[in-house]
PDB file of N, CA and C in Angstrom:
ATOM      1  N   UNK A   1      36.995  -0.130 -36.047  1.00  0.00           N
ATOM      2  CA  UNK A   1      36.944  -1.180 -34.966  1.00  0.00           C
ATOM      3  C   UNK A   1      37.651  -0.216 -34.053  1.00  0.00           C
ATOM      4  N   UNK A   2      38.822   0.454 -33.943  1.00  0.00           N
ATOM      5  CA  UNK A   2      38.899   1.740 -33.518  1.00  0.00           C
ATOM      6  C   UNK A   2      37.750   2.587 -32.269  1.00  0.00           C
ATOM      7  N   UNK A   3      36.425   2.717 -33.559  1.00  0.00           N
ATOM      8  CA  UNK A   3      35.216   3.818 -33.177  1.00  0.00           C
ATOM      9  C   UNK A   3      34.434   2.699 -32.188  1.00  0.00           C
ATOM     10  N   UNK A   4      34.201   1.243 -32.512  1.00  0.00           N
ATOM     11  CA  UNK A   4      33.174   0.430 -32.274  1.00  0.00           C
ATOM     12  C   UNK A   4      34.138   0.304 -30.686  1.00  0.00           C
ATOM     13  N   UNK A   5      35.690   0.696 -30.091  1.00  0.00           N
ATOM     14  CA  UNK A   5      36.084   0.664 -28.959  1.00  0.00           C
ATOM     15  C   UNK A   5      35.622   1.713 -27.672  1.00  0.00           C
ATOM     16  N   UNK A   6      35.853   3.285 -28.909  1.00  0.00           N
ATOM     17  CA  UNK A   6      35.118   4.039 -28.382  1.00  0.00           C
ATOM     18  C   UNK A   6      34.116   4.037 -27.942  1.00  0.00           C
ATOM     19  N   UNK A   7      33.349   3.366 -28.225  1.00  0.00           N
ATOM     20  CA  UNK A   7      31.615   3.324 -27.856  1.00  0.00           C
ATOM     21  C   UNK A   7      31.450   2.789 -27.209  1.00  0.00           C
ATOM     22  N   UNK A   8      31.691   1.260 -26.815  1.00  0.00           N
ATOM     23  CA  UNK A   8      31.531   0.182 -25.823  1.00  0.00           C
ATOM     24  C   UNK A   8      32.599   0.936 -24.718  1.00  0.00           C
ATOM     25  N   UNK A   9      33.596   2.122 -24.648  1.00  0.00           N
ATOM     26  CA  UNK A   9      33.912   2.436 -23.195  1.00  0.00           C
ATOM     27  C   UNK A   9      33.468   3.464 -23.466  1.00  0.00           C
ATOM     28  N   UNK A  10      33.216   4.472 -23.291  1.00  0.00           N
ATOM     29  CA  UNK A  10      31.674   5.292 -23.054  1.00  0.00           C
ATOM     30  C   UNK A  10      30.632   5.019 -22.580  1.00  0.00           C
ATOM     31  N   UNK A  11      30.168   3.854 -23.220  1.00  0.00           N
ATOM     32  CA  UNK A  11      28.322   3.226 -22.902  1.00  0.00           C
ATOM     33  C   UNK A  11      29.249   2.293 -21.071  1.00  0.00           C
ATOM     34  N   UNK A  12      30.073   2.171 -21.500  1.00  0.00           N
ATOM     35  CA  UNK A  12      30.483   1.466 -19.596  1.00  0.00           C
ATOM     36  C   UNK A  12      31.091   2.710 -19.012  1.00  0.00           C
ATOM     37  N   UNK A  13      31.552   3.521 -19.337  1.00  0.00           N
ATOM     38  CA  UNK A  13      31.693   4.868 -18.413  1.00  0.00           C
ATOM     39  C   UNK A  13      30.172   5.666 -17.995  1.00  0.00           C
ATOM     40  N   UNK A  14      28.999   5.665 -19.113  1.00  0.00           N
ATOM     41  CA  UNK A  14      27.726   6.312 -18.596  1.00  0.00           C
ATOM     42  C   UNK A  14      27.050   5.203 -17.507  1.00  0.00           C
ATOM     43  N   UNK A  15      27.754   3.795 -17.877  1.00  0.00           N
ATOM     44  CA  UNK A  15      26.631   3.035 -16.839  1.00  0.00           C
ATOM     45  C   UNK A  15      27.354   2.928 -15.346  1.00  0.00           C
ATOM     46  N   UNK A  16      28.700   3.555 -15.503  1.00  0.00           N
ATOM     47  CA  UNK A  16      29.928   3.663 -13.853  1.00  0.00           C
ATOM     48  C   UNK A  16      29.128   4.424 -13.315  1.00  0.00           C
ATOM     49  N   UNK A  17      29.064   6.073 -13.754  1.00  0.00           N
ATOM     50  CA  UNK A  17      28.636   6.659 -13.558  1.00  0.00           C
ATOM     51  C   UNK A  17      27.133   6.767 -12.788  1.00  0.00           C
ATOM     52  N   UNK A  18      25.891   6.353 -13.445  1.00  0.00           N
ATOM     53  CA  UNK A  18      24.561   5.739 -12.980  1.00  0.00           C
ATOM     54  C   UNK A  18      24.414   5.101 -11.792  1.00  0.00           C
ATOM     55  N   UNK A  19      25.538   3.830 -11.640  1.00  0.00           N
ATOM     56  CA  UNK A  19      25.614   3.288 -10.467  1.00  0.00           C
ATOM     57  C   UNK A  19      26.307   4.310  -9.302  1.00  0.00           C
ATOM     58  N   UNK A  20      26.917   5.240 -10.043  1.00  0.00           N
ATOM     59  CA  UNK A  20      27.510   5.862  -8.582  1.00  0.00           C
ATOM     60  C   UNK A  20      26.825   7.022  -7.697  1.00  0.00           C
ATOM     61  N   UNK A  21      25.696   7.514  -8.514  1.00  0.00           N
ATOM     62  CA  UNK A  21      25.009   8.112  -8.218  1.00  0.00           C
ATOM     63  C   UNK A  21      23.710   7.749  -8.138  1.00  0.00           C
ATOM     64  N   UNK A  22      23.285   6.700  -8.246  1.00  0.00           N
ATOM     65  CA  UNK A  22      22.210   6.389  -8.015  1.00  0.00           C
ATOM     66  C   UNK A  22      22.240   5.623  -5.995  1.00  0.00           C
ATOM     67  N   UNK A  23      21.541   6.208  -5.430  1.00  0.00           N
ATOM     68  CA  UNK A  23      21.472   6.180  -4.199  1.00  0.00           C
ATOM     69  C   UNK A  23      20.304   4.473  -4.056  1.00  0.00           C
ATOM     70  N   UNK A  24      21.284   4.074  -2.271  1.00  0.00           N
ATOM     71  CA  UNK A  24      20.095   2.608  -2.013  1.00  0.00           C
ATOM     72  C   UNK A  24      18.999   3.294  -1.102  1.00  0.00           C
ATOM     73  N   UNK A  25      18.151   2.041  -0.696  1.00  0.00           N
ATOM     74  CA  UNK A  25      16.718   2.343  -0.252  1.00  0.00           C
ATOM     75  C   UNK A  25      16.927   3.161   0.864  1.00  0.00           C
ATOM     76  N   UNK A  26      18.292   3.158   1.727  1.00  0.00           N
ATOM     77  CA  UNK A  26      18.582   3.679   3.295  1.00  0.00           C
ATOM     78  C   UNK A  26      19.042   4.945   2.837  1.00  0.00           C
ATOM     79  N   UNK A  27      19.241   5.743   1.821  1.00  0.00           N
ATOM     80  CA  UNK A  27      19.909   6.812   1.818  1.00  0.00           C
ATOM     81  C   UNK A  27      18.967   7.768   2.537  1.00  0.00           C
ATOM     82  N   UNK A  28      18.920   8.871   3.118  1.00  0.00           N
ATOM     83  CA  UNK A  28      18.499  10.091   2.808  1.00  0.00           C
ATOM     84  C   UNK A  28      18.627  10.957   1.867  1.00  0.00           C
ATOM     85  N   UNK A  29      18.138  11.671   1.138  1.00  0.00           N
ATOM     86  CA  UNK A  29      18.626  12.471   0.400  1.00  0.00           C
ATOM     87  C   UNK A  29      18.856  13.906   1.144  1.00  0.00           C
ATOM     88  N   UNK A  30      18.676  13.939   1.978  1.00  0.00           N
ATOM     89  CA  UNK A  30      19.488  15.338   3.502  1.00  0.00           C
ATOM     90  C   UNK A  30      21.293  14.599   3.728  1.00  0.00           C
ATOM     91  N   UNK A  31      21.303  13.615   3.543  1.00  0.00           N
ATOM     92  CA  UNK A  31      22.807  13.344   4.008  1.00  0.00           C
ATOM     93  C   UNK A  31      23.786  13.644   2.498  1.00  0.00           C
ATOM     94  N   UNK A  32      23.664  14.347   1.798  1.00  0.00           N
ATOM     95  CA  UNK A  32      24.622  14.007   0.688  1.00  0.00           C
ATOM     96  C   UNK A  32      23.495  14.930  -0.059  1.00  0.00           C
ATOM     97  N   UNK A  33      25.350  15.071  -0.471  1.00  0.00           N
ATOM     98  CA  UNK A  33      25.572  16.156  -2.055  1.00  0.00           C
ATOM     99  C   UNK A  33      24.788  15.711  -3.021  1.00  0.00           C
ATOM    100  N   UNK A  34      24.317  14.826  -3.810  1.00  0.00           N
ATOM    101  CA  UNK A  34      24.050  14.186  -4.684  1.00  0.00           C
ATOM    102  C   UNK A  34      23.446  13.108  -4.262  1.00  0.00           C
ATOM    103  N   UNK A  35      22.031  12.993  -5.140  1.00  0.00           N
ATOM    104  CA  UNK A  35      20.892  11.945  -4.877  1.00  0.00           C
ATOM    105  C   UNK A  35      20.189  11.648  -5.632  1.00  0.00           C
ATOM    106  N   UNK A  36      19.756  10.842  -6.105  1.00  0.00           N
ATOM    107  CA  UNK A  36      18.851  10.038  -6.884  1.00  0.00           C
ATOM    108  C   UNK A  36      18.225   9.117  -5.838  1.00  0.00           C
ATOM    109  N   UNK A  37      16.986   9.198  -6.533  1.00  0.00           N
ATOM    110  CA  UNK A  37      15.667   7.968  -5.637  1.00  0.00           C
ATOM    111  C   UNK A  37      14.456   8.026  -6.846  1.00  0.00           C
ATOM    112  N   UNK A  38      13.976   6.890  -5.937  1.00  0.00           N
ATOM    113  CA  UNK A  38      12.909   6.924  -6.854  1.00  0.00           C
ATOM    114  C   UNK A  38      11.423   6.474  -5.802  1.00  0.00           C
ATOM    115  N   UNK A  39      10.753   7.472  -6.131  1.00  0.00           N
ATOM    116  CA  UNK A  39       9.343   6.913  -4.784  1.00  0.00           C
ATOM    117  C   UNK A  39       7.960   6.666  -5.868  1.00  0.00           C
ATOM    118  N   UNK A  40       7.887   5.531  -4.994  1.00  0.00           N
ATOM    119  CA  UNK A  40       6.276   4.830  -6.495  1.00  0.00           C
ATOM    120  C   UNK A  40       5.725   4.767  -4.807  1.00  0.00           C
ATOM    121  N   UNK A  41       4.030   4.743  -5.943  1.00  0.00           N
ATOM    122  CA  UNK A  41       3.292   5.275  -5.327  1.00  0.00           C
ATOM    123  C   UNK A  41       2.245   6.072  -6.171  1.00  0.00           C
ATOM    124  N   UNK A  42       1.259   6.905  -5.451  1.00  0.00           N
ATOM    125  CA  UNK A  42       0.179   7.187  -5.684  1.00  0.00           C
ATOM    126  C   UNK A  42       0.079   8.747  -6.080  1.00  0.00           C
ATOM    127  N   UNK A  43      -0.076   9.453  -7.787  1.00  0.00           N
ATOM    128  CA  UNK A  43       0.582  10.912  -7.906  1.00  0.00           C
ATOM    129  C   UNK A  43      -0.229  11.617  -8.265  1.00  0.00           C
ATOM    130  N   UNK A  44      -0.620  12.726  -9.021  1.00  0.00           N
ATOM    131  CA  UNK A  44      -1.768  13.459  -9.279  1.00  0.00           C
ATOM    132  C   UNK A  44      -1.562  15.060  -9.549  1.00  0.00           C
ATOM    133  N   UNK A  45      -1.772  15.514 -10.930  1.00  0.00           N
ATOM    134  CA  UNK A  45      -1.499  16.539 -11.344  1.00  0.00           C
ATOM    135  C   UNK A  45      -3.166  17.319 -12.291  1.00  0.00           C
ATOM    136  N   UNK A  46      -3.410  18.005 -11.998  1.00  0.00           N
ATOM    137  CA  UNK A  46      -3.992  18.991 -12.403  1.00  0.00           C
ATOM    138  C   UNK A  46      -3.943  20.849 -12.713  1.00  0.00           C
ATOM    139  N   UNK A  47      -4.481  20.873 -13.478  1.00  0.00           N
ATOM    140  CA  UNK A  47      -4.028  22.480 -13.722  1.00  0.00           C
ATOM    141  C   UNK A  47      -5.432  23.534 -14.197  1.00  0.00           C
ATOM    142  N   UNK A  48      -6.805  22.111 -14.022  1.00  0.00           N
ATOM    143  CA  UNK A  48      -7.689  23.320 -14.249  1.00  0.00           C
ATOM    144  C   UNK A  48      -8.477  22.800 -15.528  1.00  0.00           C
ATOM    145  N   UNK A  49      -7.654  22.379 -16.711  1.00  0.00           N
ATOM    146  CA  UNK A  49      -8.043  22.248 -17.771  1.00  0.00           C
ATOM    147  C   UNK A  49      -7.437  19.977 -17.775  1.00  0.00           C
ATOM    148  N   UNK A  50      -6.421  19.957 -17.043  1.00  0.00           N
ATOM    149  CA  UNK A  50      -5.827  18.886 -17.511  1.00  0.00           C
ATOM    150  C   UNK A  50      -5.909  18.170 -16.312  1.00  0.00           C
ATOM    151  N   UNK A  51      -6.086  16.630 -15.969  1.00  0.00           N
ATOM    152  CA  UNK A  51      -6.605  16.415 -14.568  1.00  0.00           C
ATOM    153  C   UNK A  51      -5.369  14.370 -15.492  1.00  0.00           C
ATOM    154  N   UNK A  52      -4.124  14.179 -14.286  1.00  0.00           N
ATOM    155  CA  UNK A  52      -3.571  13.497 -14.663  1.00  0.00           C
ATOM    156  C   UNK A  52      -3.322  13.048 -12.993  1.00  0.00           C
ATOM    157  N   UNK A  53      -3.957  11.403 -12.930  1.00  0.00           N
ATOM    158  CA  UNK A  53      -3.727  10.748 -11.559  1.00  0.00           C
ATOM    159  C   UNK A  53      -2.787   9.229 -12.257  1.00  0.00           C
ATOM    160  N   UNK A  54      -2.137   8.627 -11.607  1.00  0.00           N
ATOM    161  CA  UNK A  54      -1.475   7.543 -11.444  1.00  0.00           C
ATOM    162  C   UNK A  54      -1.429   6.777 -10.070  1.00  0.00           C
ATOM    163  N   UNK A  55      -2.315   5.939  -9.597  1.00  0.00           N
ATOM    164  CA  UNK A  55      -1.624   4.994  -8.460  1.00  0.00           C
ATOM    165  C   UNK A  55      -0.623   4.272  -8.274  1.00  0.00           C
ATOM    166  N   UNK A  56      -0.486   4.058  -9.358  1.00  0.00           N
ATOM    167  CA  UNK A  56       0.991   2.743  -9.774  1.00  0.00           C
ATOM    168  C   UNK A  56       1.843   4.333 -10.813  1.00  0.00           C
ATOM    169  N   UNK A  57       1.549   5.302  -9.477  1.00  0.00           N
ATOM    170  CA  UNK A  57       3.236   6.146 -10.331  1.00  0.00           C
ATOM    171  C   UNK A  57       4.186   6.398  -9.943  1.00  0.00           C
ATOM    172  N   UNK A  58       5.568   6.963 -10.467  1.00  0.00           N
ATOM    173  CA  UNK A  58       6.418   7.349  -9.458  1.00  0.00           C
ATOM    174  C   UNK A  58       7.399   8.482  -9.671  1.00  0.00           C
ATOM    175  N   UNK A  59       8.206   9.104  -8.797  1.00  0.00           N
ATOM    176  CA  UNK A  59       8.359  10.384  -9.095  1.00  0.00           C
ATOM    177  C   UNK A  59      10.098   9.940  -8.934  1.00  0.00           C
ATOM    178  N   UNK A  60      10.719  10.792  -9.719  1.00  0.00           N
ATOM    179  CA  UNK A  60      12.309  10.485  -9.132  1.00  0.00           C
ATOM    180  C   UNK A  60      12.504  11.677  -9.021  1.00  0.00           C
ATOM    181  N   UNK A  61      13.340  11.462  -7.653  1.00  0.00           N
ATOM    182  CA  UNK A  61      13.731  12.925  -6.802  1.00  0.00           C
ATOM    183  C   UNK A  61      15.558  13.298  -6.812  1.00  0.00           C
ATOM    184  N   UNK A  62      16.456  13.911  -7.473  1.00  0.00           N
ATOM    185  CA  UNK A  62      17.063  14.198  -7.644  1.00  0.00           C
ATOM    186  C   UNK A  62      17.953  15.147  -6.963  1.00  0.00           C
ATOM    187  N   UNK A  63      18.942  15.442  -6.260  1.00  0.00           N
ATOM    188  CA  UNK A  63      19.095  16.627  -5.347  1.00  0.00           C
ATOM    189  C   UNK A  63      21.109  16.531  -6.288  1.00  0.00           C
ATOM    190  N   UNK A  64      20.940  18.033  -5.963  1.00  0.00           N
ATOM    191  CA  UNK A  64      22.224  18.552  -6.298  1.00  0.00           C
ATOM    192  C   UNK A  64      22.618  20.124  -5.574  1.00  0.00           C
ATOM    193  N   UNK A  65      23.567  19.095  -4.714  1.00  0.00           N
ATOM    194  CA  UNK A  65      24.156  20.255  -3.686  1.00  0.00           C
ATOM    195  C   UNK A  65      22.547  20.850  -2.388  1.00  0.00           C
ATOM    196  N   UNK A  66      21.665  21.762  -3.197  1.00  0.00           N
ATOM    197  CA  UNK A  66      20.277  22.188  -1.713  1.00  0.00           C
ATOM    198  C   UNK A  66      19.364  21.907  -2.233  1.00  0.00           C
ATOM    199  N   UNK A  67      19.375  21.722  -3.774  1.00  0.00           N
ATOM    200  CA  UNK A  67      18.651  21.762  -4.850  1.00  0.00           C
ATOM    201  C   UNK A  67      17.854  20.612  -5.233  1.00  0.00           C
ATOM    202  N   UNK A  68      16.515  20.379  -5.390  1.00  0.00           N
ATOM    203  CA  UNK A  68      16.199  19.000  -5.356  1.00  0.00           C
ATOM    204  C   UNK A  68      15.533  19.483  -6.837  1.00  0.00           C
ATOM    205  N   UNK A  69      14.765  18.467  -7.330  1.00  0.00           N
ATOM    206  CA  UNK A  69      13.911  18.350  -8.649  1.00  0.00           C
ATOM    207  C   UNK A  69      13.255  17.446  -8.614  1.00  0.00           C
ATOM    208  N   UNK A  70      12.353  16.940  -9.024  1.00  0.00           N
ATOM    209  CA  UNK A  70      11.167  16.141  -8.891  1.00  0.00           C
ATOM    210  C   UNK A  70      10.637  15.641 -10.047  1.00  0.00           C
ATOM    211  N   UNK A  71      11.013  14.730 -10.842  1.00  0.00           N
ATOM    212  CA  UNK A  71      10.235  14.351 -11.856  1.00  0.00           C
ATOM    213  C   UNK A  71       9.204  12.740 -12.284  1.00  0.00           C
ATOM    214  N   UNK A  72       8.095  13.305 -12.537  1.00  0.00           N
ATOM    215  CA  UNK A  72       7.043  12.504 -12.373  1.00  0.00           C
ATOM    216  C   UNK A  72       7.164  12.400 -14.141  1.00  0.00           C
ATOM    217  N   UNK A  73       6.759  11.090 -14.182  1.00  0.00           N
ATOM    218  CA  UNK A  73       6.327   9.907 -15.769  1.00  0.00           C
ATOM    219  C   UNK A  73       4.664  10.792 -15.523  1.00  0.00           C
ATOM    220  N   UNK A  74       4.432   9.960 -17.215  1.00  0.00           N
ATOM    221  CA  UNK A  74       2.737  10.268 -17.101  1.00  0.00           C
ATOM    222  C   UNK A  74       2.374  11.329 -17.233  1.00  0.00           C
ATOM    223  N   UNK A  75       3.133  12.321 -18.380  1.00  0.00           N
ATOM    224  CA  UNK A  75       2.689  13.758 -18.913  1.00  0.00           C
ATOM    225  C   UNK A  75       3.093  15.042 -17.101  1.00  0.00           C
ATOM    226  N   UNK A  76       3.103  14.196 -16.423  1.00  0.00           N
ATOM    227  CA  UNK A  76       3.145  15.518 -15.125  1.00  0.00           C
ATOM    228  C   UNK A  76       3.992  15.869 -15.690  1.00  0.00           C
ATOM    229  N   UNK A  77       3.962  17.569 -15.555  1.00  0.00           N
ATOM    230  CA  UNK A  77       5.233  18.588 -15.265  1.00  0.00           C
ATOM    231  C   UNK A  77       6.316  17.800 -14.205  1.00  0.00           C
ATOM    232  N   UNK A  78       6.898  18.208 -14.234  1.00  0.00           N
ATOM    233  CA  UNK A  78       8.407  18.420 -13.061  1.00  0.00           C
ATOM    234  C   UNK A  78       8.517  19.454 -12.110  1.00  0.00           C
ATOM    235  N   UNK A  79       8.588  19.673 -11.017  1.00  0.00           N
ATOM    236  CA  UNK A  79       9.136  20.399 -10.260  1.00  0.00           C
ATOM    237  C   UNK A  79      10.373  20.708  -9.966  1.00  0.00           C
ATOM    238  N   UNK A  80      11.277  21.563 -10.028  1.00  0.00           N
ATOM    239  CA  UNK A  80      12.945  22.405  -9.938  1.00  0.00           C
ATOM    240  C   UNK A  80      12.951  22.869  -8.772  1.00  0.00           C
ATOM    241  N   UNK A  81      14.007  23.199  -8.488  1.00  0.00           N
ATOM    242  CA  UNK A  81      14.208  24.538  -7.744  1.00  0.00           C
ATOM    243  C   UNK A  81      14.000  24.638  -5.764  1.00  0.00           C
ATOM    244  N   UNK A  82      13.610  23.011  -5.712  1.00  0.00           N
ATOM    245  CA  UNK A  82      12.926  22.952  -4.134  1.00  0.00           C
ATOM    246  C   UNK A  82      14.142  22.652  -3.667  1.00  0.00           C
ATOM    247  N   UNK A  83      13.842  23.547  -2.603  1.00  0.00           N
ATOM    248  CA  UNK A  83      14.896  23.877  -0.943  1.00  0.00           C
ATOM    249  C   UNK A  83      13.546  22.895  -0.371  1.00  0.00           C
ATOM    250  N   UNK A  84      14.751  22.701   0.961  1.00  0.00           N
ATOM    251  CA  UNK A  84      14.457  21.927   2.433  1.00  0.00           C
ATOM    252  C   UNK A  84      15.261  22.387   3.692  1.00  0.00           C
ATOM    253  N   UNK A  85      14.166  22.617   4.763  1.00  0.00           N
ATOM    254  CA  UNK A  85      14.345  22.392   5.818  1.00  0.00           C
ATOM    255  C   UNK A  85      14.055  21.785   6.924  1.00  0.00           C
ATOM    256  N   UNK A  86      14.491  21.163   7.664  1.00  0.00           N
ATOM    257  CA  UNK A  86      14.646  20.479   8.777  1.00  0.00           C
ATOM    258  C   UNK A  86      13.287  20.595   9.282  1.00  0.00           C
ATOM    259  N   UNK A  87      12.699  18.959  10.183  1.00  0.00           N
ATOM    260  CA  UNK A  87      11.497  19.678  11.109  1.00  0.00           C
ATOM    261  C   UNK A  87      12.136  18.119  12.359  1.00  0.00           C
ATOM    262  N   UNK A  88      11.486  18.677  12.826  1.00  0.00           N
ATOM    263  CA  UNK A  88      11.487  18.149  14.597  1.00  0.00           C
ATOM    264  C   UNK A  88      11.389  16.279  14.111  1.00  0.00           C
ATOM    265  N   UNK A  89      10.204  16.162  13.969  1.00  0.00           N
ATOM    266  CA  UNK A  89      10.707  14.552  13.692  1.00  0.00           C
ATOM    267  C   UNK A  89      12.072  14.108  12.418  1.00  0.00           C
ATOM    268  N   UNK A  90      12.780  14.672  12.033  1.00  0.00           N
ATOM    269  CA  UNK A  90      13.518  14.301  10.885  1.00  0.00           C
ATOM    270  C   UNK A  90      13.505  14.174   9.048  1.00  0.00           C
ATOM    271  N   UNK A  91      12.319  14.345   8.943  1.00  0.00           N
ATOM    272  CA  UNK A  91      11.959  14.730   8.008  1.00  0.00           C
ATOM    273  C   UNK A  91      11.737  16.488   7.599  1.00  0.00           C
ATOM    274  N   UNK A  92      12.095  16.485   6.204  1.00  0.00           N
ATOM    275  CA  UNK A  92      12.819  17.305   5.376  1.00  0.00           C
ATOM    276  C   UNK A  92      11.191  17.990   4.653  1.00  0.00           C
ATOM    277  N   UNK A  93      10.868  19.542   4.650  1.00  0.00           N
ATOM    278  CA  UNK A  93       9.874  19.844   4.754  1.00  0.00           C
ATOM    279  C   UNK A  93      10.220  20.659   3.857  1.00  0.00           C
ATOM    280  N   UNK A  94       9.929  21.333   2.197  1.00  0.00           N
ATOM    281  CA  UNK A  94       9.732  22.216   1.368  1.00  0.00           C
ATOM    282  C   UNK A  94       9.513  23.799   1.920  1.00  0.00           C
ATOM    283  N   UNK A  95      10.149  24.664   0.790  1.00  0.00           N
ATOM    284  CA  UNK A  95      10.145  26.399   1.516  1.00  0.00           C
ATOM    285  C   UNK A  95      10.557  26.589   0.788  1.00  0.00           C
ATOM    286  N   UNK A  96       9.505  28.183   0.506  1.00  0.00           N
ATOM    287  CA  UNK A  96      10.002  28.578  -0.862  1.00  0.00           C
ATOM    288  C   UNK A  96       8.833  28.733  -1.205  1.00  0.00           C
ATOM    289  N   UNK A  97       8.471  29.973  -2.101  1.00  0.00           N
ATOM    290  CA  UNK A  97       7.565  30.671  -2.797  1.00  0.00           C
ATOM    291  C   UNK A  97       6.500  29.717  -3.671  1.00  0.00           C
ATOM    292  N   UNK A  98       5.957  29.114  -3.934  1.00  0.00           N
ATOM    293  CA  UNK A  98       5.266  28.156  -4.981  1.00  0.00           C
ATOM    294  C   UNK A  98       5.179  26.864  -5.018  1.00  0.00           C
ATOM    295  N   UNK A  99       6.392  25.920  -3.572  1.00  0.00           N
ATOM    296  CA  UNK A  99       6.660  25.186  -3.915  1.00  0.00           C
ATOM    297  C   UNK A  99       7.262  24.636  -2.219  1.00  0.00           C
ATOM    298  N   UNK A 100       6.145  25.223  -1.224  1.00  0.00           N
ATOM    299  CA  UNK A 100       5.791  24.277  -0.096  1.00  0.00           C
ATOM    300  C   UNK A 100       4.943  23.418  -0.303  1.00  0.00           C
ATOM    301  N   UNK A 101       5.273  22.243   0.745  1.00  0.00           N
ATOM    302  CA  UNK A 101       3.818  21.397   1.101  1.00  0.00           C
ATOM    303  C   UNK A 101       4.378  19.825   0.745  1.00  0.00           C
ATOM    304  N   UNK A 102       5.932  19.853   0.177  1.00  0.00           N
ATOM    305  CA  UNK A 102       6.454  18.746  -0.247  1.00  0.00           C
ATOM    306  C   UNK A 102       7.464  17.931   1.572  1.00  0.00           C
ATOM    307  N   UNK A 103       7.368  16.626   2.173  1.00  0.00           N
ATOM    308  CA  UNK A 103       7.846  16.160   2.679  1.00  0.00           C
ATOM    309  C   UNK A 103       8.995  15.269   2.402  1.00  0.00           C
ATOM    310  N   UNK A 104       9.792  14.848   3.246  1.00  0.00           N
ATOM    311  CA  UNK A 104      10.748  13.312   1.848  1.00  0.00           C
ATOM    312  C   UNK A 104      11.329  13.293   3.001  1.00  0.00           C
ATOM    313  N   UNK A 105      11.419  12.056   3.549  1.00  0.00           N
ATOM    314  CA  UNK A 105      12.977  10.753   4.376  1.00  0.00           C
ATOM    315  C   UNK A 105      13.127  10.309   3.484  1.00  0.00           C
ATOM    316  N   UNK A 106      13.790   9.598   3.904  1.00  0.00           N
ATOM    317  CA  UNK A 106      14.504   8.418   3.125  1.00  0.00           C
ATOM    318  C   UNK A 106      13.855   7.376   2.362  1.00  0.00           C
ATOM    319  N   UNK A 107      12.261   7.287   2.718  1.00  0.00           N
ATOM    320  CA  UNK A 107      11.734   6.743   3.122  1.00  0.00           C
ATOM    321  C   UNK A 107      10.161   7.050   2.465  1.00  0.00           C
ATOM    322  N   UNK A 108       9.231   7.677   2.616  1.00  0.00           N
ATOM    323  CA  UNK A 108       9.017   8.294   2.579  1.00  0.00           C
ATOM    324  C   UNK A 108       8.968  10.011   1.205  1.00  0.00           C
ATOM    325  N   UNK A 109       6.899  10.379   0.721  1.00  0.00           N
ATOM    326  CA  UNK A 109       7.689  11.326   0.273  1.00  0.00           C
ATOM    327  C   UNK A 109       6.031  11.282  -0.724  1.00  0.00           C
ATOM    328  N   UNK A 110       5.825  12.952   0.985  1.00  0.00           N
ATOM    329  CA  UNK A 110       4.229  13.226   0.537  1.00  0.00           C
ATOM    330  C   UNK A 110       4.506  15.005   0.319  1.00  0.00           C
ATOM    331  N   UNK A 111       3.406  14.622  -0.742  1.00  0.00           N
ATOM    332  CA  UNK A 111       2.951  16.187  -1.286  1.00  0.00           C
ATOM    333  C   UNK A 111       1.921  16.526  -1.791  1.00  0.00           C
ATOM    334  N   UNK A 112       1.551  18.355  -1.531  1.00  0.00           N
ATOM    335  CA  UNK A 112       0.723  18.932  -1.832  1.00  0.00           C
ATOM    336  C   UNK A 112       1.079  20.005  -1.821  1.00  0.00           C
ATOM    337  N   UNK A 113       1.122  20.009  -3.968  1.00  0.00           N
ATOM    338  CA  UNK A 113       1.767  21.444  -3.809  1.00  0.00           C
ATOM    339  C   UNK A 113       0.874  22.109  -5.169  1.00  0.00           C
ATOM    340  N   UNK A 114       0.349  23.387  -3.906  1.00  0.00           N
ATOM    341  CA  UNK A 114      -0.281  24.227  -5.957  1.00  0.00           C
ATOM    342  C   UNK A 114       0.238  25.764  -5.840  1.00  0.00           C
ATOM    343  N   UNK A 115       0.398  26.353  -6.985  1.00  0.00           N
ATOM    344  CA  UNK A 115       0.907  27.440  -7.367  1.00  0.00           C
ATOM    345  C   UNK A 115      -0.016  27.613  -8.440  1.00  0.00           C
ATOM    346  N   UNK A 116       1.604  28.732  -9.330  1.00  0.00           N
ATOM    347  CA  UNK A 116      -0.245  29.202 -10.607  1.00  0.00           C
ATOM    348  C   UNK A 116      -0.025  28.243 -11.889  1.00  0.00           C
ATOM    349  N   UNK A 117       0.920  27.589 -11.954  1.00  0.00           N
ATOM    350  CA  UNK A 117       1.062  26.297 -12.901  1.00  0.00           C
ATOM    351  C   UNK A 117       0.126  25.669 -13.008  1.00  0.00           C
ATOM    352  N   UNK A 118      -0.301  24.629 -11.163  1.00  0.00           N
ATOM    353  CA  UNK A 118      -1.540  23.778 -11.039  1.00  0.00           C
ATOM    354  C   UNK A 118      -1.217  22.736  -9.963  1.00  0.00           C
ATOM    355  N   UNK A 119      -1.868  21.607  -9.342  1.00  0.00           N
ATOM    356  CA  UNK A 119      -1.587  21.307  -8.086  1.00  0.00           C
ATOM    357  C   UNK A 119      -1.227  19.821  -8.698  1.00  0.00           C
ATOM    358  N   UNK A 120      -0.125  19.419  -7.468  1.00  0.00           N
ATOM    359  CA  UNK A 120       0.844  18.199  -7.744  1.00  0.00           C
ATOM    360  C   UNK A 120       1.032  17.837  -6.189  1.00  0.00           C
ATOM    361  N   UNK A 121      -0.175  16.561  -6.724  1.00  0.00           N
ATOM    362  CA  UNK A 121       0.388  14.983  -5.501  1.00  0.00           C
ATOM    363  C   UNK A 121       0.727  13.913  -4.702  1.00  0.00           C
ATOM    364  N   UNK A 122       1.194  13.737  -4.164  1.00  0.00           N
ATOM    365  CA  UNK A 122       2.072  12.487  -4.349  1.00  0.00           C
ATOM    366  C   UNK A 122       2.215  11.673  -2.853  1.00  0.00           C
ATOM    367  N   UNK A 123       2.147  10.713  -2.513  1.00  0.00           N
ATOM    368  CA  UNK A 123       1.962   9.374  -2.094  1.00  0.00           C
ATOM    369  C   UNK A 123       2.126   8.382  -1.772  1.00  0.00           C
ATOM    370  N   UNK A 124       3.564   9.005  -2.005  1.00  0.00           N
ATOM    371  CA  UNK A 124       4.757   7.898  -2.178  1.00  0.00           C
ATOM    372  C   UNK A 124       6.172   6.949  -1.628  1.00  0.00           C
ATOM    373  N   UNK A 125       6.344   6.167  -1.779  1.00  0.00           N
ATOM    374  CA  UNK A 125       7.627   5.720  -0.728  1.00  0.00           C
ATOM    375  C   UNK A 125       8.798   4.856  -1.348  1.00  0.00           C
ATOM    376  N   UNK A 126       9.071   4.041  -0.973  1.00  0.00           N
ATOM    377  CA  UNK A 126      10.781   4.183  -1.211  1.00  0.00           C
ATOM    378  C   UNK A 126      11.257   2.993  -0.623  1.00  0.00           C
TER     379      UNK A 126
END
């Protein structure tokens, strides 16, 4: 009986943490040090041998501090360790070797990243 109470309490804590960390659609990723949001739209990946595309795909964006991670579904490898710089129009553009080609705002994610691991594209909205 005590073990089941601990399990229920643990589950409640995890659910509470998920709600606190997830962000509303109006939250701009750049405005907070902790961000989790999902962008939906067309995504693709190719590495020369494998081609994956999904017209109704999703990308989960997580930000901790000033570093972003882009998690794709459908077998597309994640992109990690991305940093951004603000552009004149209020969007953010990725910087860093092999990770350029990503723009993000509160409502849009656009990506064309090509490096030694492959090519990722995304045209998504939130």
